[in-house]
Amino acid sequence: MRPDDAGPSLSPARRHAAFRTMLDRLYRRYNRPCYIATDPLAVVYDCADTADREIAGLIAAGLAFGDADQIQRAARHALSFLGPRPKAALMAFSPRDIRRLTAGFRYRWVSGEHLATFLLGLRWCLQEFGSVEGMVAAAKPRQKGREDPAGFLWNTLVGWTRLLWRAMGVEKHPMWPDPARGGACKRTLLYLRWMIRQDAVDPGGWTVLTPGMLLCPVDRHIHRFARSRGITKRSAADWKTTVEITRFFRGLCPRDPCRWDFALTRAAMLNLFPTEWTAPQDKSDQSTR
């Protein structure tokens, strides 16, 4: 069902309300802890402390290409070099230690040297800013971004990326996309969702940004869904498409436009569109998270 197909007799406000009702049904059904194991987010929950979670999440997001099982294996392998307290290990290890430990790592096009460079840059940022959140805070523009949240977040991501790359001593890195190139920056936005939103799935912990400032991470599932429902007509899953899709969801929930991201991707991964989208409400819709 498209946003504009809820019924010819319905006003735009009522069509939007009907669409949100269906999204909330999916949220109630799939935004549950039992589905976290199907997502790279599971790696973040391996750590109990926010200081360690932000490092685990950064590595998991940086390696988030491939299917969820592959990503989890690769991220856990990368984190195994740091032990159960990755922040303390990063601060304690010397650059030589990090390069030696990661020398045999390989995941797709990310080599042990790439991982070592990433960790060393992260180590410098922790020394300089105290945390990954502190690095993001240092990269934020001075304006509050209420009138243009997408532009505000784009400037934040550009500044954050430049800080991280400068710390790594590189001009590009396979684990971290360049927002200035106009891509969707799915992995970066996914990481921000994990660290900023807080509900039954997303652990949160950061206050440097609010959920209302986020953009939806547009993977192939979200892009296909948005095109099929008439939310966007853009064929490329790039930054402009991300902004357009988020603008629609922000219209439904200004304070939390990423609210439905996890539930939508679960439903898509489980091949529950389109029949699930229009299925009559049943008992499982009334279940708690």
Protein backbone atom coordinates (compact mmCIF):
# COMPACT_ATOMS: atom_id res chain seq x y z
CA MET A 1 0.00 0.00 0.00
CA ARG A 2 1.44 3.34 -1.03
CA PRO A 3 1.22 6.41 1.21
CA ASP A 4 -1.16 7.95 -1.34
CA ASP A 5 -3.22 4.77 -1.81
CA ALA A 6 -4.90 4.63 1.60
CA GLY A 7 -8.19 5.60 -0.02
CA PRO A 8 -9.39 8.24 -2.46
CA SER A 9 -11.83 9.68 0.06
CA LEU A 10 -9.23 10.19 2.76
CA SER A 11 -7.58 13.54 3.38
CA PRO A 12 -3.73 13.73 3.25
CA ALA A 13 -3.66 13.89 7.05
CA ARG A 14 -5.78 10.74 7.37
CA ARG A 15 -3.72 8.92 4.72
CA HIS A 16 -0.57 9.73 6.69
CA ALA A 17 -2.24 8.58 9.90
CA ALA A 18 -3.24 5.28 8.25
CA PHE A 19 0.31 4.77 6.99
CA ARG A 20 1.76 5.44 10.42
CA THR A 21 -0.69 2.96 11.94
CA MET A 22 0.64 0.25 9.65
CA LEU A 23 4.25 1.20 10.43
CA ASP A 24 3.51 1.01 14.14
CA ARG A 25 2.06 -2.47 13.67
CA LEU A 26 5.39 -3.54 12.20
CA TYR A 27 7.23 -1.79 15.02
CA ARG A 28 5.26 -3.65 17.67
CA ARG A 29 5.84 -6.97 15.95
CA TYR A 30 9.49 -6.76 14.91
CA ASN A 31 11.20 -4.12 17.03
CA ARG A 32 12.01 -6.70 19.71
CA PRO A 33 15.20 -7.97 21.32
CA CYS A 34 14.62 -11.47 19.92
CA TYR A 35 15.47 -10.15 16.44
CA ILE A 36 18.76 -8.45 17.41
CA ALA A 37 20.66 -11.66 16.67
CA THR A 38 19.80 -11.16 12.97
CA ASP A 39 21.59 -7.79 12.85
CA PRO A 40 25.17 -6.45 13.22
CA LEU A 41 23.80 -4.60 16.26
CA ALA A 42 24.25 -7.87 18.18
CA VAL A 43 28.00 -7.12 18.33
CA VAL A 44 27.31 -3.92 20.26
CA TYR A 45 25.44 -5.87 22.91
CA ASP A 46 28.54 -8.00 23.53
CA CYS A 47 29.73 -5.03 25.63
CA ALA A 48 27.95 -3.77 28.73
CA ASP A 49 29.51 -0.32 29.03
CA THR A 50 28.72 2.59 26.68
CA ALA A 51 32.43 3.42 26.39
CA ASP A 52 33.09 -0.07 25.01
CA ARG A 53 29.85 -0.24 23.03
CA GLU A 54 30.71 2.82 21.00
CA ILE A 55 33.99 1.18 19.93
CA ALA A 56 32.37 -2.18 19.20
CA GLY A 57 29.64 -0.41 17.24
CA LEU A 58 32.11 1.67 15.25
CA ILE A 59 33.99 -1.45 14.18
CA ALA A 60 30.79 -3.38 13.41
CA ALA A 61 29.41 -0.48 11.37
CA GLY A 62 32.73 -0.03 9.59
CA LEU A 63 32.59 -3.67 8.47
CA ALA A 64 28.85 -3.69 7.69
CA PHE A 65 28.95 -4.99 4.14
CA GLY A 66 27.77 -8.51 3.43
CA ASP A 67 25.08 -10.42 5.26
CA ALA A 68 24.50 -10.06 8.99
CA ASP A 69 26.21 -13.33 9.94
CA GLN A 70 29.34 -12.43 7.98
CA ILE A 71 29.46 -8.95 9.48
CA GLN A 72 29.08 -10.29 13.00
CA ARG A 73 31.86 -12.82 12.52
CA ALA A 74 34.19 -10.22 11.01
CA ALA A 75 33.46 -7.62 13.70
CA ARG A 76 33.91 -10.11 16.54
CA HIS A 77 37.17 -11.27 14.99
CA ALA A 78 38.38 -7.66 14.82
CA LEU A 79 37.30 -7.00 18.40
CA SER A 80 38.90 -10.21 19.66
CA PHE A 81 42.28 -8.49 19.37
CA LEU A 82 41.14 -6.01 22.02
CA GLY A 83 39.52 -8.41 24.50
CA PRO A 84 36.37 -7.77 26.57
CA ARG A 85 37.23 -4.10 27.32
CA PRO A 86 38.13 -2.60 23.95
CA LYS A 87 38.57 0.99 25.13
CA ALA A 88 41.03 0.07 27.88
CA ALA A 89 42.92 -2.20 25.47
CA LEU A 90 43.18 0.50 22.81
CA MET A 91 44.54 2.96 25.36
CA ALA A 92 47.04 0.42 26.72
CA PHE A 93 48.37 -1.12 23.50
CA SER A 94 51.22 0.48 21.60
CA PRO A 95 50.94 1.07 17.83
CA ARG A 96 53.36 -1.82 17.36
CA ASP A 97 51.10 -4.10 19.45
CA ILE A 98 48.04 -3.17 17.39
CA ARG A 99 49.78 -3.77 14.07
CA ARG A 100 51.14 -7.10 15.27
CA LEU A 101 47.78 -8.32 16.61
CA THR A 102 45.79 -7.40 13.52
CA ALA A 103 48.33 -8.52 10.90
CA GLY A 104 46.38 -11.63 9.89
CA PHE A 105 42.95 -10.02 9.69
CA ARG A 106 41.04 -10.04 6.40
CA TYR A 107 37.40 -9.35 5.62
CA ARG A 108 36.63 -8.84 1.97
CA TRP A 109 38.68 -5.78 0.94
CA VAL A 110 39.59 -4.79 4.51
CA SER A 111 43.08 -6.01 5.38
CA GLY A 112 44.90 -6.24 8.69
CA GLU A 113 46.74 -3.04 7.82
CA HIS A 114 43.42 -1.27 7.17
CA LEU A 115 42.11 -2.44 10.53
CA ALA A 116 45.31 -1.41 12.33
CA THR A 117 45.15 2.06 10.75
CA PHE A 118 41.51 2.40 11.79
CA LEU A 119 42.23 1.33 15.36
CA LEU A 120 45.24 3.62 15.64
CA GLY A 121 43.18 6.57 14.43
CA LEU A 122 40.46 5.66 16.90
CA ARG A 123 43.08 5.37 19.64
CA TRP A 124 44.32 8.90 18.91
CA CYS A 125 40.76 10.26 18.94
CA LEU A 126 40.08 8.63 22.32
CA GLN A 127 43.22 10.24 23.69
CA GLU A 128 42.26 13.60 22.22
CA PHE A 129 38.49 13.69 22.87
CA GLY A 130 37.94 11.01 25.52
CA SER A 131 35.35 9.08 23.53
CA VAL A 132 33.88 8.65 20.07
CA GLU A 133 30.97 10.79 21.22
CA GLY A 134 33.45 13.50 22.17
CA MET A 135 34.90 13.37 18.66
CA VAL A 136 31.41 13.79 17.16
CA ALA A 137 30.76 16.71 19.51
CA ALA A 138 33.96 18.38 18.31
CA ALA A 139 32.84 17.93 14.68
CA LYS A 140 29.34 19.40 15.12
CA PRO A 141 28.59 22.76 13.49
CA ARG A 142 27.75 25.60 15.82
CA GLN A 143 24.24 26.08 14.48
CA LYS A 144 21.52 23.92 16.05
CA GLY A 145 20.18 22.52 12.80
CA ARG A 146 16.48 22.83 13.57
CA GLU A 147 15.65 24.39 10.19
CA ASP A 148 17.81 21.99 8.15
CA PRO A 149 18.49 18.78 10.10
CA ALA A 150 19.83 16.97 7.03
CA GLY A 151 22.33 19.72 6.28
CA PHE A 152 23.34 19.90 9.92
CA LEU A 153 23.96 16.16 10.07
CA TRP A 154 25.84 16.18 6.76
CA ASN A 155 28.20 18.88 8.06
CA THR A 156 28.65 16.89 11.27
CA LEU A 157 29.52 13.73 9.33
CA VAL A 158 31.97 15.58 7.09
CA GLY A 159 33.75 17.10 10.09
CA TRP A 160 33.76 13.80 11.96
CA THR A 161 35.14 11.91 8.95
CA ARG A 162 37.90 14.47 8.44
CA LEU A 163 38.90 14.20 12.10
CA LEU A 164 39.02 10.42 11.95
CA TRP A 165 40.94 10.33 8.67
CA ARG A 166 43.43 12.92 9.91
CA ALA A 167 43.98 10.79 13.00
CA MET A 168 44.59 7.77 10.75
CA GLY A 169 46.88 9.74 8.46
CA VAL A 170 44.88 8.86 5.33
CA GLU A 171 42.68 10.61 2.76
CA LYS A 172 40.22 7.72 2.49
CA HIS A 173 39.59 4.42 4.22
CA PRO A 174 37.49 1.35 3.25
CA MET A 175 35.87 1.17 6.70
CA TRP A 176 34.52 4.71 6.66
CA PRO A 177 32.64 6.39 3.79
CA ASP A 178 33.16 9.97 2.69
CA PRO A 179 29.89 11.94 2.97
CA ALA A 180 31.32 14.63 0.69
CA ARG A 181 31.09 12.17 -2.22
CA GLY A 182 27.29 12.13 -1.99
CA GLY A 183 26.82 8.50 -1.00
CA ALA A 184 24.12 7.29 1.38
CA CYS A 185 26.62 6.80 4.26
CA LYS A 186 24.45 3.90 5.38
CA ARG A 187 27.02 2.47 7.78
CA THR A 188 27.66 5.81 9.48
CA LEU A 189 23.95 6.51 9.87
CA LEU A 190 23.37 2.99 11.15
CA TYR A 191 26.01 3.52 13.82
CA LEU A 192 24.41 6.81 14.88
CA ARG A 193 21.03 5.10 15.16
CA TRP A 194 22.50 2.49 17.49
CA MET A 195 24.22 5.04 19.71
CA ILE A 196 21.54 7.76 19.86
CA ARG A 197 18.15 6.05 19.76
CA GLN A 198 17.08 4.06 22.81
CA ASP A 199 14.27 1.55 22.84
CA ALA A 200 13.85 -2.22 23.04
CA VAL A 201 16.40 -2.67 20.23
CA ASP A 202 18.70 0.35 19.98
CA PRO A 203 20.85 0.68 23.13
CA GLY A 204 21.52 4.43 22.92
CA GLY A 205 23.79 6.10 25.46
CA TRP A 206 24.82 9.22 23.56
CA THR A 207 23.40 12.70 24.08
CA VAL A 208 25.54 14.57 21.53
CA LEU A 209 22.66 14.38 19.02
CA THR A 210 18.94 13.76 19.43
CA PRO A 211 16.92 11.09 17.57
CA GLY A 212 15.15 13.85 15.65
CA MET A 213 18.45 14.86 14.02
CA LEU A 214 19.08 11.43 12.51
CA LEU A 215 18.66 10.28 8.92
CA CYS A 216 17.46 6.80 8.02
CA PRO A 217 20.19 4.34 7.01
CA VAL A 218 19.11 3.41 3.50
CA ASP A 219 20.11 -0.13 2.62
CA ARG A 220 18.67 -2.12 -0.28
CA HIS A 221 15.68 -3.20 1.84
CA ILE A 222 14.68 0.34 2.83
CA HIS A 223 15.34 1.67 -0.67
CA ARG A 224 13.25 -1.05 -2.32
CA PHE A 225 10.46 -0.55 0.22
CA ALA A 226 10.47 3.25 -0.24
CA ARG A 227 10.33 2.95 -4.02
CA SER A 228 7.53 0.38 -3.91
CA ARG A 229 5.44 2.63 -1.65
CA GLY A 230 6.00 5.82 -3.63
CA ILE A 231 8.07 7.47 -0.90
CA THR A 232 10.86 8.09 -3.42
CA LYS A 233 11.25 7.62 -7.16
CA ARG A 234 15.03 7.90 -7.08
CA SER A 235 16.81 4.87 -8.49
CA ALA A 236 20.14 5.49 -6.74
CA ALA A 237 20.46 4.91 -2.99
CA ASP A 238 22.54 8.04 -2.40
CA TRP A 239 22.52 10.95 0.04
CA LYS A 240 19.67 12.76 -1.75
CA THR A 241 17.58 9.60 -1.60
CA THR A 242 18.37 9.21 2.10
CA VAL A 243 17.24 12.79 2.75
CA GLU A 244 14.04 12.28 0.73
CA ILE A 245 13.11 9.05 2.49
CA THR A 246 13.88 10.51 5.91
CA ARG A 247 11.81 13.60 5.12
CA PHE A 248 8.79 11.35 4.66
CA PHE A 249 9.37 9.50 7.96
CA ARG A 250 10.14 12.76 9.74
CA GLY A 251 6.73 14.00 8.62
CA LEU A 252 5.19 11.05 10.45
CA CYS A 253 7.40 11.31 13.53
CA PRO A 254 9.50 14.52 13.74
CA ARG A 255 11.23 13.52 16.97
CA ASP A 256 12.24 10.05 15.78
CA PRO A 257 12.27 9.53 12.01
CA CYS A 258 14.35 6.32 12.34
CA ARG A 259 11.78 4.73 14.63
CA TRP A 260 10.70 2.10 12.08
CA ASP A 261 14.08 1.31 10.48
CA PHE A 262 14.85 -1.92 12.36
CA ALA A 263 11.30 -3.27 12.04
CA LEU A 264 11.12 -2.52 8.32
CA THR A 265 14.41 -4.25 7.59
CA ARG A 266 13.39 -7.30 9.64
CA ALA A 267 10.12 -7.58 7.74
CA ALA A 268 11.93 -7.22 4.42
CA MET A 269 14.60 -9.76 5.34
CA LEU A 270 11.89 -12.23 6.33
CA ASN A 271 10.15 -11.69 2.95
CA LEU A 272 6.95 -10.44 4.57
CA PHE A 273 6.19 -7.76 1.98
CA PRO A 274 3.76 -7.15 0.44
CA THR A 275 1.29 -9.56 2.06
CA GLU A 276 2.33 -8.65 5.60
CA TRP A 277 1.78 -4.99 4.85
CA THR A 278 -1.92 -5.43 4.20
CA ALA A 279 -2.62 -8.44 6.40
CA PRO A 280 -5.49 -8.08 8.89
CA GLN A 281 -4.47 -7.31 12.43
CA ASP A 282 -4.02 -10.46 14.49
CA LYS A 283 -3.11 -11.38 18.04
CA SER A 284 0.62 -11.04 17.47
CA ASP A 285 0.11 -7.34 16.74
CA GLN A 286 -0.97 -6.87 20.34
CA SER A 287 2.18 -8.42 21.79
CA THR A 288 4.64 -6.34 23.75
CA ARG A 289 8.15 -5.67 22.50
